[in-house]
């Protein structure tokens, strides 16, 4: 089973991991921890349709910055 971390970006710009809202610094720490545990962890970005593209790209860049290269984007239909 491949490890994965799902990051949800709400329309408000809030970022959630699971059901928990996390600050940017916390997210970076979580991504770093995921990378240390398993470098092949996949990051799934789940963004509401109205979320600015730049916000999604910014999160992808931060995942890449800690070494996570397996990134997937899923948009929610609402």
PDB file of N, CA and C in Angstrom:
ATOM      1  N   UNK A   1       0.849  -1.198   0.000  1.00  0.00           N
ATOM      2  CA  UNK A   1       0.000   0.000   0.000  1.00  0.00           C
ATOM      3  C   UNK A   1       0.882   1.244   0.000  1.00  0.00           C
ATOM      4  N   UNK A   2       0.720   2.040  -1.025  1.00  0.00           N
ATOM      5  CA  UNK A   2       1.505   3.274  -1.111  1.00  0.00           C
ATOM      6  C   UNK A   2       0.984   4.293  -0.105  1.00  0.00           C
ATOM      7  N   UNK A   3       1.916   4.979   0.531  1.00  0.00           N
ATOM      8  CA  UNK A   3       1.520   6.026   1.466  1.00  0.00           C
ATOM      9  C   UNK A   3       1.010   7.226   0.686  1.00  0.00           C
ATOM     10  N   UNK A   4       0.003   7.886   1.234  1.00  0.00           N
ATOM     11  CA  UNK A   4      -0.453   9.118   0.609  1.00  0.00           C
ATOM     12  C   UNK A   4      -0.969  10.084   1.660  1.00  0.00           C
ATOM     13  N   UNK A   5      -0.926  11.352   1.324  1.00  0.00           N
ATOM     14  CA  UNK A   5      -1.428  12.391   2.214  1.00  0.00           C
ATOM     15  C   UNK A   5      -2.365  13.250   1.374  1.00  0.00           C
ATOM     16  N   UNK A   6      -3.593  13.428   1.868  1.00  0.00           N
ATOM     17  CA  UNK A   6      -4.563  14.217   1.123  1.00  0.00           C
ATOM     18  C   UNK A   6      -4.675  15.599   1.740  1.00  0.00           C
ATOM     19  N   UNK A   7      -4.431  16.601   0.908  1.00  0.00           N
ATOM     20  CA  UNK A   7      -4.491  17.989   1.347  1.00  0.00           C
ATOM     21  C   UNK A   7      -5.690  18.631   0.655  1.00  0.00           C
ATOM     22  N   UNK A   8      -6.649  19.086   1.446  1.00  0.00           N
ATOM     23  CA  UNK A   8      -7.845  19.706   0.890  1.00  0.00           C
ATOM     24  C   UNK A   8      -7.734  21.224   0.978  1.00  0.00           C
ATOM     25  N   UNK A   9      -7.999  21.886  -0.147  1.00  0.00           N
ATOM     26  CA  UNK A   9      -7.971  23.349  -0.164  1.00  0.00           C
ATOM     27  C   UNK A   9      -9.410  23.831  -0.317  1.00  0.00           C
ATOM     28  N   UNK A  10      -9.916  24.475   0.729  1.00  0.00           N
ATOM     29  CA  UNK A  10     -11.290  24.972   0.711  1.00  0.00           C
ATOM     30  C   UNK A  10     -11.368  26.277  -0.067  1.00  0.00           C
ATOM     31  N   UNK A  11     -12.585  26.624  -0.453  1.00  0.00           N
ATOM     32  CA  UNK A  11     -12.826  27.853  -1.190  1.00  0.00           C
ATOM     33  C   UNK A  11     -12.316  29.066  -0.426  1.00  0.00           C
ATOM     34  N   UNK A  12     -12.371  28.979   0.897  1.00  0.00           N
ATOM     35  CA  UNK A  12     -11.921  30.084   1.754  1.00  0.00           C
ATOM     36  C   UNK A  12     -10.402  30.244   1.714  1.00  0.00           C
ATOM     37  N   UNK A  13      -9.719  29.242   1.160  1.00  0.00           N
ATOM     38  CA  UNK A  13      -8.262  29.263   1.147  1.00  0.00           C
ATOM     39  C   UNK A  13      -7.678  28.431   2.282  1.00  0.00           C
ATOM     40  N   UNK A  14      -8.546  27.995   3.198  1.00  0.00           N
ATOM     41  CA  UNK A  14      -8.082  27.163   4.309  1.00  0.00           C
ATOM     42  C   UNK A  14      -7.577  25.827   3.783  1.00  0.00           C
ATOM     43  N   UNK A  15      -6.554  25.307   4.433  1.00  0.00           N
ATOM     44  CA  UNK A  15      -5.964  24.041   4.040  1.00  0.00           C
ATOM     45  C   UNK A  15      -6.249  23.015   5.128  1.00  0.00           C
ATOM     46  N   UNK A  16      -6.723  21.848   4.702  1.00  0.00           N
ATOM     47  CA  UNK A  16      -7.020  20.791   5.662  1.00  0.00           C
ATOM     48  C   UNK A  16      -6.271  19.517   5.316  1.00  0.00           C
ATOM     49  N   UNK A  17      -5.809  18.826   6.337  1.00  0.00           N
ATOM     50  CA  UNK A  17      -5.255  17.493   6.170  1.00  0.00           C
ATOM     51  C   UNK A  17      -6.184  16.595   6.981  1.00  0.00           C
ATOM     52  N   UNK A  18      -6.841  15.688   6.304  1.00  0.00           N
ATOM     53  CA  UNK A  18      -7.915  14.951   6.956  1.00  0.00           C
ATOM     54  C   UNK A  18      -9.041  15.940   7.235  1.00  0.00           C
ATOM     55  N   UNK A  19      -9.543  15.952   8.445  1.00  0.00           N
ATOM     56  CA  UNK A  19     -10.609  16.890   8.789  1.00  0.00           C
ATOM     57  C   UNK A  19     -10.069  18.076   9.593  1.00  0.00           C
ATOM     58  N   UNK A  20      -8.749  18.163   9.667  1.00  0.00           N
ATOM     59  CA  UNK A  20      -8.122  19.156  10.523  1.00  0.00           C
ATOM     60  C   UNK A  20      -7.571  20.321   9.708  1.00  0.00           C
ATOM     61  N   UNK A  21      -7.971  21.533  10.078  1.00  0.00           N
ATOM     62  CA  UNK A  21      -7.423  22.726   9.422  1.00  0.00           C
ATOM     63  C   UNK A  21      -5.996  22.933   9.929  1.00  0.00           C
ATOM     64  N   UNK A  22      -5.067  23.109   9.008  1.00  0.00           N
ATOM     65  CA  UNK A  22      -3.666  23.305   9.408  1.00  0.00           C
ATOM     66  C   UNK A  22      -3.129  24.614   8.848  1.00  0.00           C
ATOM     67  N   UNK A  23      -2.287  25.262   9.631  1.00  0.00           N
ATOM     68  CA  UNK A  23      -1.597  26.466   9.180  1.00  0.00           C
ATOM     69  C   UNK A  23      -0.491  26.056   8.202  1.00  0.00           C
ATOM     70  N   UNK A  24      -0.042  27.010   7.396  1.00  0.00           N
ATOM     71  CA  UNK A  24       0.988  26.720   6.402  1.00  0.00           C
ATOM     72  C   UNK A  24       2.230  26.075   7.013  1.00  0.00           C
ATOM     73  N   UNK A  25       2.680  26.616   8.141  1.00  0.00           N
ATOM     74  CA  UNK A  25       3.885  26.074   8.785  1.00  0.00           C
ATOM     75  C   UNK A  25       3.679  24.630   9.232  1.00  0.00           C
ATOM     76  N   UNK A  26       2.471  24.352   9.750  1.00  0.00           N
ATOM     77  CA  UNK A  26       2.155  22.986  10.177  1.00  0.00           C
ATOM     78  C   UNK A  26       2.148  22.050   8.971  1.00  0.00           C
ATOM     79  N   UNK A  27       1.607  22.551   7.853  1.00  0.00           N
ATOM     80  CA  UNK A  27       1.533  21.728   6.649  1.00  0.00           C
ATOM     81  C   UNK A  27       2.938  21.359   6.182  1.00  0.00           C
ATOM     82  N   UNK A  28       3.832  22.345   6.182  1.00  0.00           N
ATOM     83  CA  UNK A  28       5.215  22.079   5.783  1.00  0.00           C
ATOM     84  C   UNK A  28       5.828  20.993   6.667  1.00  0.00           C
ATOM     85  N   UNK A  29       5.566  21.072   7.963  1.00  0.00           N
ATOM     86  CA  UNK A  29       6.097  20.076   8.899  1.00  0.00           C
ATOM     87  C   UNK A  29       5.512  18.693   8.606  1.00  0.00           C
ATOM     88  N   UNK A  30       4.222  18.647   8.282  1.00  0.00           N
ATOM     89  CA  UNK A  30       3.571  17.369   7.957  1.00  0.00           C
ATOM     90  C   UNK A  30       4.129  16.765   6.673  1.00  0.00           C
ATOM     91  N   UNK A  31       4.335  17.624   5.685  1.00  0.00           N
ATOM     92  CA  UNK A  31       4.890  17.147   4.408  1.00  0.00           C
ATOM     93  C   UNK A  31       6.302  16.610   4.632  1.00  0.00           C
ATOM     94  N   UNK A  32       7.076  17.345   5.416  1.00  0.00           N
ATOM     95  CA  UNK A  32       8.454  16.936   5.732  1.00  0.00           C
ATOM     96  C   UNK A  32       8.453  15.581   6.438  1.00  0.00           C
ATOM     97  N   UNK A  33       7.553  15.427   7.417  1.00  0.00           N
ATOM     98  CA  UNK A  33       7.470  14.182   8.180  1.00  0.00           C
ATOM     99  C   UNK A  33       7.068  13.021   7.269  1.00  0.00           C
ATOM    100  N   UNK A  34       6.136  13.298   6.346  1.00  0.00           N
ATOM    101  CA  UNK A  34       5.687  12.259   5.416  1.00  0.00           C
ATOM    102  C   UNK A  34       6.843  11.821   4.525  1.00  0.00           C
ATOM    103  N   UNK A  35       7.642  12.797   4.093  1.00  0.00           N
ATOM    104  CA  UNK A  35       8.787  12.491   3.234  1.00  0.00           C
ATOM    105  C   UNK A  35       9.826  11.649   3.974  1.00  0.00           C
ATOM    106  N   UNK A  36      10.108  12.032   5.217  1.00  0.00           N
ATOM    107  CA  UNK A  36      11.092  11.297   6.025  1.00  0.00           C
ATOM    108  C   UNK A  36      10.634   9.851   6.226  1.00  0.00           C
ATOM    109  N   UNK A  37       9.338   9.674   6.458  1.00  0.00           N
ATOM    110  CA  UNK A  37       8.786   8.346   6.705  1.00  0.00           C
ATOM    111  C   UNK A  37       8.795   7.500   5.432  1.00  0.00           C
ATOM    112  N   UNK A  38       8.408   8.131   4.307  1.00  0.00           N
ATOM    113  CA  UNK A  38       8.358   7.416   3.035  1.00  0.00           C
ATOM    114  C   UNK A  38       8.492   8.423   1.897  1.00  0.00           C
ATOM    115  N   UNK A  39       9.664   8.410   1.254  1.00  0.00           N
ATOM    116  CA  UNK A  39       9.969   9.393   0.208  1.00  0.00           C
ATOM    117  C   UNK A  39       9.040   9.281  -1.000  1.00  0.00           C
ATOM    118  N   UNK A  40       8.342   8.140  -1.109  1.00  0.00           N
ATOM    119  CA  UNK A  40       7.466   7.962  -2.263  1.00  0.00           C
ATOM    120  C   UNK A  40       6.007   8.305  -1.950  1.00  0.00           C
ATOM    121  N   UNK A  41       5.790   8.908  -0.780  1.00  0.00           N
ATOM    122  CA  UNK A  41       4.425   9.311  -0.403  1.00  0.00           C
ATOM    123  C   UNK A  41       3.807  10.171  -1.506  1.00  0.00           C
ATOM    124  N   UNK A  42       2.573   9.846  -1.858  1.00  0.00           N
ATOM    125  CA  UNK A  42       1.875  10.648  -2.851  1.00  0.00           C
ATOM    126  C   UNK A  42       1.084  11.747  -2.157  1.00  0.00           C
ATOM    127  N   UNK A  43       1.171  12.948  -2.697  1.00  0.00           N
ATOM    128  CA  UNK A  43       0.407  14.066  -2.173  1.00  0.00           C
ATOM    129  C   UNK A  43      -0.781  14.285  -3.091  1.00  0.00           C
ATOM    130  N   UNK A  44      -1.985  14.135  -2.546  1.00  0.00           N
ATOM    131  CA  UNK A  44      -3.200  14.349  -3.323  1.00  0.00           C
ATOM    132  C   UNK A  44      -3.783  15.699  -2.916  1.00  0.00           C
ATOM    133  N   UNK A  45      -3.842  16.622  -3.867  1.00  0.00           N
ATOM    134  CA  UNK A  45      -4.409  17.940  -3.601  1.00  0.00           C
ATOM    135  C   UNK A  45      -5.852  17.952  -4.065  1.00  0.00           C
ATOM    136  N   UNK A  46      -6.727  18.160  -3.121  1.00  0.00           N
ATOM    137  CA  UNK A  46      -8.154  18.159  -3.411  1.00  0.00           C
ATOM    138  C   UNK A  46      -8.625  19.602  -3.286  1.00  0.00           C
ATOM    139  N   UNK A  47      -8.889  20.238  -4.418  1.00  0.00           N
ATOM    140  CA  UNK A  47      -9.238  21.658  -4.382  1.00  0.00           C
ATOM    141  C   UNK A  47     -10.652  21.899  -4.883  1.00  0.00           C
ATOM    142  N   UNK A  48     -11.364  22.782  -4.181  1.00  0.00           N
ATOM    143  CA  UNK A  48     -12.658  23.221  -4.684  1.00  0.00           C
ATOM    144  C   UNK A  48     -12.438  23.923  -6.019  1.00  0.00           C
ATOM    145  N   UNK A  49     -13.445  23.842  -6.894  1.00  0.00           N
ATOM    146  CA  UNK A  49     -13.298  24.396  -8.241  1.00  0.00           C
ATOM    147  C   UNK A  49     -12.931  25.872  -8.255  1.00  0.00           C
ATOM    148  N   UNK A  50     -13.430  26.630  -7.289  1.00  0.00           N
ATOM    149  CA  UNK A  50     -13.187  28.069  -7.287  1.00  0.00           C
ATOM    150  C   UNK A  50     -11.858  28.505  -6.676  1.00  0.00           C
ATOM    151  N   UNK A  51     -11.078  27.558  -6.175  1.00  0.00           N
ATOM    152  CA  UNK A  51      -9.795  27.900  -5.546  1.00  0.00           C
ATOM    153  C   UNK A  51      -8.831  28.414  -6.621  1.00  0.00           C
ATOM    154  N   UNK A  52      -8.183  29.564  -6.372  1.00  0.00           N
ATOM    155  CA  UNK A  52      -7.250  30.092  -7.369  1.00  0.00           C
ATOM    156  C   UNK A  52      -6.152  29.084  -7.704  1.00  0.00           C
ATOM    157  N   UNK A  53      -5.855  28.968  -8.990  1.00  0.00           N
ATOM    158  CA  UNK A  53      -4.854  28.020  -9.464  1.00  0.00           C
ATOM    159  C   UNK A  53      -3.510  28.240  -8.761  1.00  0.00           C
ATOM    160  N   UNK A  54      -3.185  29.495  -8.532  1.00  0.00           N
ATOM    161  CA  UNK A  54      -1.903  29.823  -7.891  1.00  0.00           C
ATOM    162  C   UNK A  54      -1.757  29.213  -6.510  1.00  0.00           C
ATOM    163  N   UNK A  55      -2.898  29.105  -5.810  1.00  0.00           N
ATOM    164  CA  UNK A  55      -2.867  28.527  -4.463  1.00  0.00           C
ATOM    165  C   UNK A  55      -2.509  27.045  -4.543  1.00  0.00           C
ATOM    166  N   UNK A  56      -3.086  26.365  -5.534  1.00  0.00           N
ATOM    167  CA  UNK A  56      -2.819  24.939  -5.729  1.00  0.00           C
ATOM    168  C   UNK A  56      -1.358  24.732  -6.128  1.00  0.00           C
ATOM    169  N   UNK A  57      -0.898  25.542  -7.078  1.00  0.00           N
ATOM    170  CA  UNK A  57       0.493  25.443  -7.535  1.00  0.00           C
ATOM    171  C   UNK A  57       1.454  25.726  -6.386  1.00  0.00           C
ATOM    172  N   UNK A  58       1.100  26.712  -5.559  1.00  0.00           N
ATOM    173  CA  UNK A  58       1.946  27.052  -4.412  1.00  0.00           C
ATOM    174  C   UNK A  58       2.125  25.871  -3.473  1.00  0.00           C
ATOM    175  N   UNK A  59       1.033  25.142  -3.241  1.00  0.00           N
ATOM    176  CA  UNK A  59       1.109  23.968  -2.366  1.00  0.00           C
ATOM    177  C   UNK A  59       1.930  22.860  -3.007  1.00  0.00           C
ATOM    178  N   UNK A  60       1.798  22.724  -4.324  1.00  0.00           N
ATOM    179  CA  UNK A  60       2.605  21.715  -5.030  1.00  0.00           C
ATOM    180  C   UNK A  60       4.089  22.039  -4.890  1.00  0.00           C
ATOM    181  N   UNK A  61       4.405  23.318  -5.031  1.00  0.00           N
ATOM    182  CA  UNK A  61       5.805  23.743  -4.908  1.00  0.00           C
ATOM    183  C   UNK A  61       6.351  23.442  -3.523  1.00  0.00           C
ATOM    184  N   UNK A  62       5.512  23.631  -2.498  1.00  0.00           N
ATOM    185  CA  UNK A  62       5.961  23.359  -1.133  1.00  0.00           C
ATOM    186  C   UNK A  62       6.170  21.873  -0.897  1.00  0.00           C
ATOM    187  N   UNK A  63       5.329  21.044  -1.513  1.00  0.00           N
ATOM    188  CA  UNK A  63       5.522  19.600  -1.400  1.00  0.00           C
ATOM    189  C   UNK A  63       6.835  19.207  -2.072  1.00  0.00           C
ATOM    190  N   UNK A  64       7.086  19.792  -3.257  1.00  0.00           N
ATOM    191  CA  UNK A  64       8.327  19.497  -3.987  1.00  0.00           C
ATOM    192  C   UNK A  64       9.541  19.968  -3.198  1.00  0.00           C
ATOM    193  N   UNK A  65       9.372  21.081  -2.481  1.00  0.00           N
ATOM    194  CA  UNK A  65      10.494  21.652  -1.726  1.00  0.00           C
ATOM    195  C   UNK A  65      11.017  20.698  -0.653  1.00  0.00           C
ATOM    196  N   UNK A  66      10.125  19.872  -0.083  1.00  0.00           N
ATOM    197  CA  UNK A  66      10.594  18.918   0.932  1.00  0.00           C
ATOM    198  C   UNK A  66      11.007  17.587   0.297  1.00  0.00           C
ATOM    199  N   UNK A  67      10.812  17.455  -1.015  1.00  0.00           N
ATOM    200  CA  UNK A  67      11.266  16.251  -1.706  1.00  0.00           C
ATOM    201  C   UNK A  67      10.167  15.340  -2.209  1.00  0.00           C
ATOM    202  N   UNK A  68       8.907  15.708  -1.955  1.00  0.00           N
ATOM    203  CA  UNK A  68       7.793  14.871  -2.424  1.00  0.00           C
ATOM    204  C   UNK A  68       7.492  15.206  -3.883  1.00  0.00           C
ATOM    205  N   UNK A  69       7.654  14.229  -4.737  1.00  0.00           N
ATOM    206  CA  UNK A  69       7.489  14.493  -6.173  1.00  0.00           C
ATOM    207  C   UNK A  69       6.266  13.850  -6.769  1.00  0.00           C
ATOM    208  N   UNK A  70       5.613  12.967  -6.018  1.00  0.00           N
ATOM    209  CA  UNK A  70       4.410  12.302  -6.558  1.00  0.00           C
ATOM    210  C   UNK A  70       3.179  13.109  -6.149  1.00  0.00           C
ATOM    211  N   UNK A  71       2.711  13.922  -7.082  1.00  0.00           N
ATOM    212  CA  UNK A  71       1.624  14.843  -6.796  1.00  0.00           C
ATOM    213  C   UNK A  71       0.442  14.557  -7.707  1.00  0.00           C
ATOM    214  N   UNK A  72      -0.744  14.607  -7.126  1.00  0.00           N
ATOM    215  CA  UNK A  72      -1.956  14.421  -7.920  1.00  0.00           C
ATOM    216  C   UNK A  72      -2.924  15.544  -7.554  1.00  0.00           C
ATOM    217  N   UNK A  73      -3.658  16.010  -8.550  1.00  0.00           N
ATOM    218  CA  UNK A  73      -4.655  17.044  -8.284  1.00  0.00           C
ATOM    219  C   UNK A  73      -6.032  16.478  -8.583  1.00  0.00           C
ATOM    220  N   UNK A  74      -6.945  16.660  -7.646  1.00  0.00           N
ATOM    221  CA  UNK A  74      -8.331  16.255  -7.860  1.00  0.00           C
ATOM    222  C   UNK A  74      -9.197  17.473  -7.558  1.00  0.00           C
ATOM    223  N   UNK A  75     -10.137  17.779  -8.430  1.00  0.00           N
ATOM    224  CA  UNK A  75     -11.021  18.895  -8.133  1.00  0.00           C
ATOM    225  C   UNK A  75     -12.367  18.345  -7.721  1.00  0.00           C
ATOM    226  N   UNK A  76     -12.957  18.966  -6.727  1.00  0.00           N
ATOM    227  CA  UNK A  76     -14.276  18.513  -6.295  1.00  0.00           C
ATOM    228  C   UNK A  76     -15.319  19.205  -7.175  1.00  0.00           C
ATOM    229  N   UNK A  77     -16.419  18.531  -7.453  1.00  0.00           N
ATOM    230  CA  UNK A  77     -17.403  19.024  -8.414  1.00  0.00           C
ATOM    231  C   UNK A  77     -18.212  20.228  -7.956  1.00  0.00           C
ATOM    232  N   UNK A  78     -18.324  20.437  -6.628  1.00  0.00           N
ATOM    233  CA  UNK A  78     -19.242  21.495  -6.190  1.00  0.00           C
ATOM    234  C   UNK A  78     -18.753  22.912  -6.513  1.00  0.00           C
TER     235      UNK A  78
END
